[in-house]
Amino acid sequence: MTENTEARTYESASARIEEIIRRLDSGEAGLRETLDLCKEGRELVDFCARELEAVGQGLEELRLDELVARLEREGAAGGGAPEAPR
């Protein structure tokens, strides 16, 4: 791979995937280069999928934190949770 994995970002990986697709679509890549590009592309796609999953989990945690904070505020303002019907 041409890029340092420590400095890799979703955006840079996505841009590299686009470059790989253009090279493969050009029909100019030889057999060995095609194999190498496919391997690199697969690694980049896996990396992007992991990044998207991590961001999705982070957003879900933020939503849960916001929900808890809102419920706590509403509970404090209203004197607690409403009682269940008897």
Protein backbone atom coordinates (compact mmCIF):
# COMPACT_ATOMS: atom_id res chain seq x y z
CA MET A 1 0.00 0.00 0.00
CA THR A 2 1.17 3.51 -0.70
CA GLU A 3 -0.20 5.16 2.42
CA ASN A 4 0.88 4.95 6.04
CA THR A 5 -1.90 3.20 7.96
CA GLU A 6 -1.31 5.43 11.02
CA ALA A 7 -2.18 8.54 8.99
CA ARG A 8 -5.08 6.93 7.13
CA THR A 9 -8.47 8.57 7.42
CA TYR A 10 -11.85 7.60 6.05
CA GLU A 11 -11.56 10.41 3.52
CA SER A 12 -8.09 9.43 2.31
CA ALA A 13 -9.08 5.76 2.09
CA SER A 14 -12.21 6.66 0.14
CA ALA A 15 -10.19 8.81 -2.27
CA ARG A 16 -7.71 5.96 -2.79
CA ILE A 17 -10.57 3.55 -3.52
CA GLU A 18 -11.76 5.94 -6.23
CA GLU A 19 -8.23 6.02 -7.71
CA ILE A 20 -8.12 2.23 -7.72
CA ILE A 21 -11.50 2.01 -9.44
CA ARG A 22 -10.39 4.48 -12.12
CA ARG A 23 -7.20 2.49 -12.73
CA LEU A 24 -9.09 -0.79 -12.98
CA ASP A 25 -11.73 0.75 -15.24
CA SER A 26 -9.05 2.09 -17.56
CA GLY A 27 -8.15 -1.44 -18.58
CA GLU A 28 -4.47 -0.50 -18.53
CA ALA A 29 -3.52 -2.46 -15.39
CA GLY A 30 -1.74 -5.73 -15.98
CA LEU A 31 -2.73 -8.96 -14.30
CA ARG A 32 -0.39 -8.59 -11.31
CA GLU A 33 -1.25 -4.92 -10.82
CA THR A 34 -4.95 -5.79 -10.98
CA LEU A 35 -4.50 -8.36 -8.23
CA ASP A 36 -2.53 -5.91 -6.09
CA LEU A 37 -5.10 -3.16 -6.61
CA CYS A 38 -7.95 -5.51 -5.71
CA LYS A 39 -6.18 -6.54 -2.49
CA GLU A 40 -5.50 -2.94 -1.56
CA GLY A 41 -9.06 -1.96 -2.40
CA ARG A 42 -10.44 -4.73 -0.20
CA GLU A 43 -8.30 -3.58 2.73
CA LEU A 44 -9.46 -0.01 2.23
CA VAL A 45 -13.13 -1.01 2.00
CA ASP A 46 -12.76 -2.99 5.24
CA PHE A 47 -11.08 0.00 6.89
CA CYS A 48 -13.89 2.34 5.76
CA ALA A 49 -16.54 -0.09 7.01
CA ARG A 50 -14.87 -0.22 10.44
CA GLU A 51 -14.65 3.58 10.55
CA LEU A 52 -18.33 3.97 9.65
CA GLU A 53 -19.30 1.42 12.29
CA ALA A 54 -17.23 3.22 14.94
CA VAL A 55 -18.77 6.57 14.07
CA GLY A 56 -22.25 5.03 14.12
CA GLN A 57 -21.63 3.59 17.58
CA GLY A 58 -20.32 6.95 18.76
CA LEU A 59 -23.44 8.69 17.50
CA GLU A 60 -25.65 6.11 19.18
CA GLU A 61 -23.82 6.68 22.48
CA LEU A 62 -24.31 10.43 22.10
CA ARG A 63 -28.02 9.94 21.50
CA LEU A 64 -28.28 7.74 24.60
CA ASP A 65 -26.34 10.27 26.69
CA GLU A 66 -28.63 13.05 25.46
CA LEU A 67 -31.72 10.97 26.24
CA VAL A 68 -30.50 10.22 29.77
CA ALA A 69 -29.68 13.89 30.38
CA ARG A 70 -33.11 14.96 29.10
CA LEU A 71 -34.90 12.39 31.24
CA GLU A 72 -32.90 13.49 34.28
CA ARG A 73 -33.78 17.15 33.61
CA GLU A 74 -37.46 16.34 33.13
CA GLY A 75 -37.46 14.16 36.25
CA ALA A 76 -35.87 16.91 38.34
CA ALA A 77 -38.24 19.56 36.98
CA GLY A 78 -41.35 17.45 37.41
CA GLY A 79 -40.58 15.98 40.80
CA GLY A 80 -39.83 12.50 39.51
CA ALA A 81 -41.38 9.98 37.22
CA PRO A 82 -45.16 9.79 36.99
CA GLU A 83 -46.79 7.12 39.12
CA ALA A 84 -48.23 4.05 37.49
CA PRO A 85 -52.02 3.71 37.58
CA ARG A 86 -53.28 1.67 40.51
